[in-house]
Amino acid sequence: MKTHYNILEKKIKIIFKNKDLLIKSLTHKSFDKNKNNEKIEFLGDRVLGLVMAKKLLEIYPGDSEGILDKKFATLVNKKTCLSIAKDLQLEKYILIFNSKNKKRIVEDKVLADTCEALIGAVYLDKGYQIVEKLILNLWSHHIKNSIITKIDAKTKLQEYSLKIFKKLPIYKLISNTGPKHKPLFKVGVKLIDTKFYNANGRSKKDAEQNAAYECLQNIKKI
């Protein structure tokens, strides 16, 4: 197992001073109820959040809080952590209880959680600067892709309405026509000082998005 840990250290380009800390970060509670990675995962989640929030503010200084929040959520969610865990092949290193008669399967949630635990362990062993460098390296592809994360029309209209009027936009289902397999929804939306702006969509959600876009266009906010 020591050889495996050495391979992982080479992958992340970090040699732990405290090997027990590395092992603990890879230990699931089913394997050891007392010495496992739950608390280190808690820490790693916060460290990841701090690094990502800082980086987003640096590279997108002109973005609104709403847009930054959407990009942030995409970068730190379990799906992205799972992707990083699979890139590192963490399933090979995790200590998890396994019956001798059962095939060893590591669930996606365990993988994603272990990714955060590994981050927490690096922070404890090496400090903020090293863990920041590691995270930005592992997440580089996802950070580059974050540029395409745009705020949707409905959210943008909601933010504007709350900021100006302290009220949510008002949506109204006008009609639902067409056959069941191909319905057509018509939805209207208005703000406190506007008329209803209507739009169609193949789902109520799409119609609301399209109506919000129409409203934003007319009040010249896009």
C-alpha atoms as a PDB file:
ATOM      1  CA  MET A   1       0.000   0.000   0.000  1.00  0.00           C
ATOM      2  CA  LYS A   2       2.931   2.318   0.668  1.00  0.00           C
ATOM      3  CA  THR A   3       3.928   2.080  -2.989  1.00  0.00           C
ATOM      4  CA  HIS A   4       0.422   3.111  -4.002  1.00  0.00           C
ATOM      5  CA  TYR A   5       0.602   6.162  -1.770  1.00  0.00           C
ATOM      6  CA  ASN A   6       3.938   7.095  -3.321  1.00  0.00           C
ATOM      7  CA  ILE A   7       2.332   6.941  -6.759  1.00  0.00           C
ATOM      8  CA  LEU A   8      -0.452   9.253  -5.621  1.00  0.00           C
ATOM      9  CA  GLU A   9       2.081  11.681  -4.156  1.00  0.00           C
ATOM     10  CA  LYS A  10       3.868  11.733  -7.510  1.00  0.00           C
ATOM     11  CA  LYS A  11       0.578  12.432  -9.289  1.00  0.00           C
ATOM     12  CA  ILE A  12      -0.170  15.476  -7.165  1.00  0.00           C
ATOM     13  CA  LYS A  13       3.535  16.415  -6.957  1.00  0.00           C
ATOM     14  CA  ILE A  14       3.438  16.639  -3.168  1.00  0.00           C
ATOM     15  CA  ILE A  15       5.394  14.517  -0.706  1.00  0.00           C
ATOM     16  CA  PHE A  16       3.699  14.436   2.689  1.00  0.00           C
ATOM     17  CA  LYS A  17       5.755  15.056   5.799  1.00  0.00           C
ATOM     18  CA  ASN A  18       3.027  13.323   7.811  1.00  0.00           C
ATOM     19  CA  LYS A  19       2.173  10.106   5.966  1.00  0.00           C
ATOM     20  CA  ASP A  20      -0.463   9.224   8.567  1.00  0.00           C
ATOM     21  CA  LEU A  21      -2.347  12.365   7.577  1.00  0.00           C
ATOM     22  CA  LEU A  22      -2.384  11.281   3.945  1.00  0.00           C
ATOM     23  CA  ILE A  23      -3.617   7.806   4.904  1.00  0.00           C
ATOM     24  CA  LYS A  24      -6.307   9.288   7.152  1.00  0.00           C
ATOM     25  CA  SER A  25      -7.569  11.455   4.291  1.00  0.00           C
ATOM     26  CA  LEU A  26      -8.044   8.284   2.226  1.00  0.00           C
ATOM     27  CA  THR A  27      -9.758   6.275   4.976  1.00  0.00           C
ATOM     28  CA  HIS A  28     -13.532   5.882   4.810  1.00  0.00           C
ATOM     29  CA  LYS A  29     -15.527   5.621   8.035  1.00  0.00           C
ATOM     30  CA  SER A  30     -16.610   2.080   7.106  1.00  0.00           C
ATOM     31  CA  PHE A  31     -12.968   1.021   7.388  1.00  0.00           C
ATOM     32  CA  ASP A  32     -12.198   2.843  10.649  1.00  0.00           C
ATOM     33  CA  LYS A  33     -14.911   4.507  12.751  1.00  0.00           C
ATOM     34  CA  ASN A  34     -12.406   6.555  14.761  1.00  0.00           C
ATOM     35  CA  LYS A  35      -9.622   7.480  12.348  1.00  0.00           C
ATOM     36  CA  ASN A  36     -11.295   8.425   9.082  1.00  0.00           C
ATOM     37  CA  ASN A  37     -11.517  11.343   6.673  1.00  0.00           C
ATOM     38  CA  GLU A  38     -14.857  12.909   7.667  1.00  0.00           C
ATOM     39  CA  LYS A  39     -13.419  15.901   9.544  1.00  0.00           C
ATOM     40  CA  ILE A  40     -10.611  16.453   7.054  1.00  0.00           C
ATOM     41  CA  GLU A  41     -13.227  16.430   4.290  1.00  0.00           C
ATOM     42  CA  PHE A  42     -15.109  19.158   6.183  1.00  0.00           C
ATOM     43  CA  LEU A  43     -11.933  21.247   6.189  1.00  0.00           C
ATOM     44  CA  GLY A  44     -11.066  20.471   2.576  1.00  0.00           C
ATOM     45  CA  ASP A  45     -14.479  21.624   1.396  1.00  0.00           C
ATOM     46  CA  ARG A  46     -13.891  25.041   3.013  1.00  0.00           C
ATOM     47  CA  VAL A  47     -10.343  25.327   1.686  1.00  0.00           C
ATOM     48  CA  LEU A  48     -11.538  24.513  -1.837  1.00  0.00           C
ATOM     49  CA  GLY A  49     -14.258  27.138  -1.510  1.00  0.00           C
ATOM     50  CA  LEU A  50     -11.809  29.805  -0.374  1.00  0.00           C
ATOM     51  CA  VAL A  51      -9.350  29.113  -3.193  1.00  0.00           C
ATOM     52  CA  MET A  52     -12.087  29.136  -5.840  1.00  0.00           C
ATOM     53  CA  ALA A  53     -13.791  32.288  -4.531  1.00  0.00           C
ATOM     54  CA  LYS A  54     -10.444  34.107  -4.530  1.00  0.00           C
ATOM     55  CA  LYS A  55      -9.581  32.924  -8.051  1.00  0.00           C
ATOM     56  CA  LEU A  56     -12.966  33.874  -9.503  1.00  0.00           C
ATOM     57  CA  LEU A  57     -12.683  37.383  -8.092  1.00  0.00           C
ATOM     58  CA  GLU A  58      -9.261  37.686  -9.715  1.00  0.00           C
ATOM     59  CA  ILE A  59     -10.214  36.512 -13.207  1.00  0.00           C
ATOM     60  CA  TYR A  60     -13.767  37.896 -13.393  1.00  0.00           C
ATOM     61  CA  PRO A  61     -13.626  41.315 -11.648  1.00  0.00           C
ATOM     62  CA  GLY A  62     -16.494  42.651 -13.748  1.00  0.00           C
ATOM     63  CA  ASP A  63     -18.963  39.849 -13.026  1.00  0.00           C
ATOM     64  CA  SER A  64     -21.906  40.382 -10.706  1.00  0.00           C
ATOM     65  CA  GLU A  65     -22.229  38.436  -7.459  1.00  0.00           C
ATOM     66  CA  GLY A  66     -24.956  36.315  -9.040  1.00  0.00           C
ATOM     67  CA  ILE A  67     -22.790  35.230 -11.968  1.00  0.00           C
ATOM     68  CA  LEU A  68     -19.800  34.573  -9.694  1.00  0.00           C
ATOM     69  CA  ASP A  69     -21.995  32.461  -7.445  1.00  0.00           C
ATOM     70  CA  LYS A  70     -23.112  30.289 -10.363  1.00  0.00           C
ATOM     71  CA  LYS A  71     -19.531  29.774 -11.531  1.00  0.00           C
ATOM     72  CA  PHE A  72     -18.436  29.039  -7.976  1.00  0.00           C
ATOM     73  CA  ALA A  73     -21.183  26.448  -7.476  1.00  0.00           C
ATOM     74  CA  THR A  74     -20.156  24.643 -10.668  1.00  0.00           C
ATOM     75  CA  LEU A  75     -16.494  24.524  -9.665  1.00  0.00           C
ATOM     76  CA  VAL A  76     -16.933  23.235  -6.103  1.00  0.00           C
ATOM     77  CA  ASN A  77     -19.889  20.865  -6.467  1.00  0.00           C
ATOM     78  CA  LYS A  78     -19.656  17.108  -5.943  1.00  0.00           C
ATOM     79  CA  LYS A  79     -19.790  16.416  -9.676  1.00  0.00           C
ATOM     80  CA  THR A  80     -16.603  18.395 -10.294  1.00  0.00           C
ATOM     81  CA  CYS A  81     -14.893  16.886  -7.236  1.00  0.00           C
ATOM     82  CA  LEU A  82     -15.815  13.447  -8.569  1.00  0.00           C
ATOM     83  CA  SER A  83     -14.246  14.316 -11.924  1.00  0.00           C
ATOM     84  CA  ILE A  84     -11.005  15.345 -10.198  1.00  0.00           C
ATOM     85  CA  ALA A  85     -11.063  12.193  -8.045  1.00  0.00           C
ATOM     86  CA  LYS A  86     -11.396  10.020 -11.147  1.00  0.00           C
ATOM     87  CA  ASP A  87      -8.567  11.889 -12.860  1.00  0.00           C
ATOM     88  CA  LEU A  88      -6.380  11.015  -9.867  1.00  0.00           C
ATOM     89  CA  GLN A  89      -7.784   7.459  -9.761  1.00  0.00           C
ATOM     90  CA  LEU A  90      -8.471   7.864  -6.046  1.00  0.00           C
ATOM     91  CA  GLU A  91     -10.514   4.658  -6.047  1.00  0.00           C
ATOM     92  CA  LYS A  92      -7.187   2.785  -6.062  1.00  0.00           C
ATOM     93  CA  TYR A  93      -6.056   4.346  -2.788  1.00  0.00           C
ATOM     94  CA  ILE A  94      -9.197   4.607  -0.657  1.00  0.00           C
ATOM     95  CA  LEU A  95      -9.410   2.364   2.406  1.00  0.00           C
ATOM     96  CA  ILE A  96     -12.988   1.153   2.602  1.00  0.00           C
ATOM     97  CA  PHE A  97     -14.639  -1.868   4.241  1.00  0.00           C
ATOM     98  CA  ASN A  98     -15.136  -4.737   1.877  1.00  0.00           C
ATOM     99  CA  SER A  99     -16.432  -8.238   2.440  1.00  0.00           C
ATOM    100  CA  LYS A 100     -14.103 -10.903   1.068  1.00  0.00           C
ATOM    101  CA  ASN A 101     -16.944 -12.204  -1.057  1.00  0.00           C
ATOM    102  CA  LYS A 102     -17.873  -8.864  -2.567  1.00  0.00           C
ATOM    103  CA  LYS A 103     -16.356  -6.922  -5.432  1.00  0.00           C
ATOM    104  CA  ARG A 104     -14.660  -3.744  -4.254  1.00  0.00           C
ATOM    105  CA  ILE A 105     -16.786  -0.826  -5.476  1.00  0.00           C
ATOM    106  CA  VAL A 106     -16.222   2.768  -4.394  1.00  0.00           C
ATOM    107  CA  GLU A 107     -19.351   4.919  -4.719  1.00  0.00           C
ATOM    108  CA  ASP A 108     -19.190   8.278  -6.487  1.00  0.00           C
ATOM    109  CA  LYS A 109     -20.052  10.176  -3.302  1.00  0.00           C
ATOM    110  CA  VAL A 110     -17.184   8.518  -1.447  1.00  0.00           C
ATOM    111  CA  LEU A 111     -14.806   9.455  -4.256  1.00  0.00           C
ATOM    112  CA  ALA A 112     -15.930  13.095  -4.294  1.00  0.00           C
ATOM    113  CA  ASP A 113     -15.706  13.333  -0.500  1.00  0.00           C
ATOM    114  CA  THR A 114     -12.226  11.803  -0.529  1.00  0.00           C
ATOM    115  CA  CYS A 115     -11.094  14.399  -3.047  1.00  0.00           C
ATOM    116  CA  GLU A 116     -12.069  17.122  -0.558  1.00  0.00           C
ATOM    117  CA  ALA A 117     -10.407  15.210   2.272  1.00  0.00           C
ATOM    118  CA  LEU A 118      -7.169  15.022   0.307  1.00  0.00           C
ATOM    119  CA  ILE A 119      -7.285  18.802  -0.121  1.00  0.00           C
ATOM    120  CA  GLY A 120      -7.780  19.195   3.617  1.00  0.00           C
ATOM    121  CA  ALA A 121      -4.816  16.933   4.308  1.00  0.00           C
ATOM    122  CA  VAL A 122      -2.547  18.884   1.942  1.00  0.00           C
ATOM    123  CA  TYR A 123      -3.573  22.111   3.649  1.00  0.00           C
ATOM    124  CA  LEU A 124      -2.751  20.697   7.099  1.00  0.00           C
ATOM    125  CA  ASP A 125       0.560  19.219   5.961  1.00  0.00           C
ATOM    126  CA  LYS A 126       1.822  21.938   3.604  1.00  0.00           C
ATOM    127  CA  GLY A 127      -0.140  25.123   4.237  1.00  0.00           C
ATOM    128  CA  TYR A 128      -2.291  27.427   2.126  1.00  0.00           C
ATOM    129  CA  GLN A 129       0.127  28.343  -0.682  1.00  0.00           C
ATOM    130  CA  ILE A 130       0.845  24.722  -1.599  1.00  0.00           C
ATOM    131  CA  VAL A 131      -2.784  23.614  -1.458  1.00  0.00           C
ATOM    132  CA  GLU A 132      -3.823  26.642  -3.512  1.00  0.00           C
ATOM    133  CA  LYS A 133      -1.289  25.697  -6.184  1.00  0.00           C
ATOM    134  CA  LEU A 134      -2.542  22.092  -6.156  1.00  0.00           C
ATOM    135  CA  ILE A 135      -6.204  23.071  -6.480  1.00  0.00           C
ATOM    136  CA  LEU A 136      -5.589  25.557  -9.293  1.00  0.00           C
ATOM    137  CA  ASN A 137      -3.571  22.921 -11.142  1.00  0.00           C
ATOM    138  CA  LEU A 138      -6.134  20.132 -10.725  1.00  0.00           C
ATOM    139  CA  TRP A 139      -9.055  22.436 -11.526  1.00  0.00           C
ATOM    140  CA  SER A 140      -7.363  24.346 -14.379  1.00  0.00           C
ATOM    141  CA  HIS A 141      -9.545  22.824 -17.113  1.00  0.00           C
ATOM    142  CA  HIS A 142     -12.740  23.477 -15.145  1.00  0.00           C
ATOM    143  CA  ILE A 143     -11.680  27.051 -14.366  1.00  0.00           C
ATOM    144  CA  LYS A 144     -11.052  27.725 -18.071  1.00  0.00           C
ATOM    145  CA  ASN A 145     -14.494  26.350 -18.899  1.00  0.00           C
ATOM    146  CA  SER A 146     -16.124  28.576 -16.285  1.00  0.00           C
ATOM    147  CA  ILE A 147     -15.965  31.456 -18.742  1.00  0.00           C
ATOM    148  CA  ILE A 148     -18.923  29.936 -20.597  1.00  0.00           C
ATOM    149  CA  THR A 149     -21.054  29.822 -17.435  1.00  0.00           C
ATOM    150  CA  LYS A 150     -23.574  32.605 -17.940  1.00  0.00           C
ATOM    151  CA  ILE A 151     -26.436  33.714 -15.785  1.00  0.00           C
ATOM    152  CA  ASP A 152     -29.833  32.752 -17.221  1.00  0.00           C
ATOM    153  CA  ALA A 153     -32.467  35.343 -18.112  1.00  0.00           C
ATOM    154  CA  LYS A 154     -34.892  34.347 -15.358  1.00  0.00           C
ATOM    155  CA  THR A 155     -32.233  34.714 -12.645  1.00  0.00           C
ATOM    156  CA  LYS A 156     -31.023  38.008 -14.097  1.00  0.00           C
ATOM    157  CA  LEU A 157     -34.567  39.398 -14.155  1.00  0.00           C
ATOM    158  CA  GLN A 158     -35.117  38.226 -10.579  1.00  0.00           C
ATOM    159  CA  GLU A 159     -31.935  39.939  -9.390  1.00  0.00           C
ATOM    160  CA  TYR A 160     -32.901  43.169 -11.119  1.00  0.00           C
ATOM    161  CA  SER A 161     -36.452  43.126  -9.749  1.00  0.00           C
ATOM    162  CA  LEU A 162     -35.292  42.463  -6.178  1.00  0.00           C
ATOM    163  CA  LYS A 163     -32.661  45.182  -6.392  1.00  0.00           C
ATOM    164  CA  ILE A 164     -34.987  47.871  -7.791  1.00  0.00           C
ATOM    165  CA  PHE A 165     -38.417  46.955  -6.396  1.00  0.00           C
ATOM    166  CA  LYS A 166     -37.658  44.529  -3.540  1.00  0.00           C
ATOM    167  CA  LYS A 167     -40.219  42.253  -5.219  1.00  0.00           C
ATOM    168  CA  LEU A 168     -40.004  39.111  -7.344  1.00  0.00           C
ATOM    169  CA  PRO A 169     -41.151  39.196 -11.005  1.00  0.00           C
ATOM    170  CA  ILE A 170     -44.738  38.049 -11.549  1.00  0.00           C
ATOM    171  CA  TYR A 171     -45.179  35.075 -13.881  1.00  0.00           C
ATOM    172  CA  LYS A 172     -48.518  33.992 -15.371  1.00  0.00           C
ATOM    173  CA  LEU A 173     -49.319  30.878 -17.402  1.00  0.00           C
ATOM    174  CA  ILE A 174     -51.409  32.162 -20.299  1.00  0.00           C
ATOM    175  CA  SER A 175     -52.021  28.951 -22.222  1.00  0.00           C
ATOM    176  CA  ASN A 176     -50.994  25.319 -22.634  1.00  0.00           C
ATOM    177  CA  THR A 177     -51.860  24.050 -26.108  1.00  0.00           C
ATOM    178  CA  GLY A 178     -50.825  21.291 -28.496  1.00  0.00           C
ATOM    179  CA  PRO A 179     -50.754  17.508 -28.098  1.00  0.00           C
ATOM    180  CA  LYS A 180     -49.400  15.878 -24.938  1.00  0.00           C
ATOM    181  CA  HIS A 181     -46.254  14.673 -26.678  1.00  0.00           C
ATOM    182  CA  LYS A 182     -45.514  18.151 -28.043  1.00  0.00           C
ATOM    183  CA  PRO A 183     -47.108  20.826 -25.833  1.00  0.00           C
ATOM    184  CA  LEU A 184     -46.681  24.558 -26.297  1.00  0.00           C
ATOM    185  CA  PHE A 185     -46.705  26.807 -23.245  1.00  0.00           C
ATOM    186  CA  LYS A 186     -47.282  30.546 -23.300  1.00  0.00           C
ATOM    187  CA  VAL A 187     -46.118  32.480 -20.245  1.00  0.00           C
ATOM    188  CA  GLY A 188     -46.190  36.151 -19.350  1.00  0.00           C
ATOM    189  CA  VAL A 189     -43.971  38.017 -16.903  1.00  0.00           C
ATOM    190  CA  LYS A 190     -44.066  41.528 -15.522  1.00  0.00           C
ATOM    191  CA  LEU A 191     -42.300  43.740 -13.033  1.00  0.00           C
ATOM    192  CA  ILE A 192     -43.918  46.313 -10.763  1.00  0.00           C
ATOM    193  CA  ASP A 193     -43.705  49.060 -13.418  1.00  0.00           C
ATOM    194  CA  THR A 194     -44.108  47.055 -16.652  1.00  0.00           C
ATOM    195  CA  LYS A 195     -46.782  45.335 -18.669  1.00  0.00           C
ATOM    196  CA  PHE A 196     -46.744  41.563 -19.174  1.00  0.00           C
ATOM    197  CA  TYR A 197     -44.198  40.333 -21.706  1.00  0.00           C
ATOM    198  CA  ASN A 198     -45.201  37.018 -23.275  1.00  0.00           C
ATOM    199  CA  ALA A 199     -43.226  34.172 -24.822  1.00  0.00           C
ATOM    200  CA  ASN A 200     -43.656  30.549 -25.846  1.00  0.00           C
ATOM    201  CA  GLY A 201     -41.736  27.397 -24.955  1.00  0.00           C
ATOM    202  CA  ARG A 202     -41.979  23.608 -25.202  1.00  0.00           C
ATOM    203  CA  SER A 203     -42.000  23.469 -21.397  1.00  0.00           C
ATOM    204  CA  LYS A 204     -43.263  25.911 -18.795  1.00  0.00           C
ATOM    205  CA  LYS A 205     -39.684  26.440 -17.648  1.00  0.00           C
ATOM    206  CA  ASP A 206     -38.497  27.293 -21.169  1.00  0.00           C
ATOM    207  CA  ALA A 207     -41.438  29.643 -21.675  1.00  0.00           C
ATOM    208  CA  GLU A 208     -40.585  31.444 -18.425  1.00  0.00           C
ATOM    209  CA  GLN A 209     -36.964  31.825 -19.533  1.00  0.00           C
ATOM    210  CA  ASN A 210     -38.056  33.192 -22.911  1.00  0.00           C
ATOM    211  CA  ALA A 211     -40.518  35.592 -21.309  1.00  0.00           C
ATOM    212  CA  ALA A 212     -37.847  36.814 -18.905  1.00  0.00           C
ATOM    213  CA  TYR A 213     -35.544  37.403 -21.872  1.00  0.00           C
ATOM    214  CA  GLU A 214     -38.265  39.417 -23.644  1.00  0.00           C
ATOM    215  CA  CYS A 215     -38.785  41.522 -20.535  1.00  0.00           C
ATOM    216  CA  LEU A 216     -35.058  42.168 -20.114  1.00  0.00           C
ATOM    217  CA  GLN A 217     -34.760  43.188 -23.755  1.00  0.00           C
ATOM    218  CA  ASN A 218     -37.619  45.655 -23.446  1.00  0.00           C
ATOM    219  CA  ILE A 219     -36.280  47.249 -20.275  1.00  0.00           C
ATOM    220  CA  LYS A 220     -32.860  47.294 -21.979  1.00  0.00           C
ATOM    221  CA  LYS A 221     -31.029  45.204 -19.377  1.00  0.00           C
ATOM    222  CA  ILE A 222     -29.457  42.870 -21.960  1.00  0.00           C
END
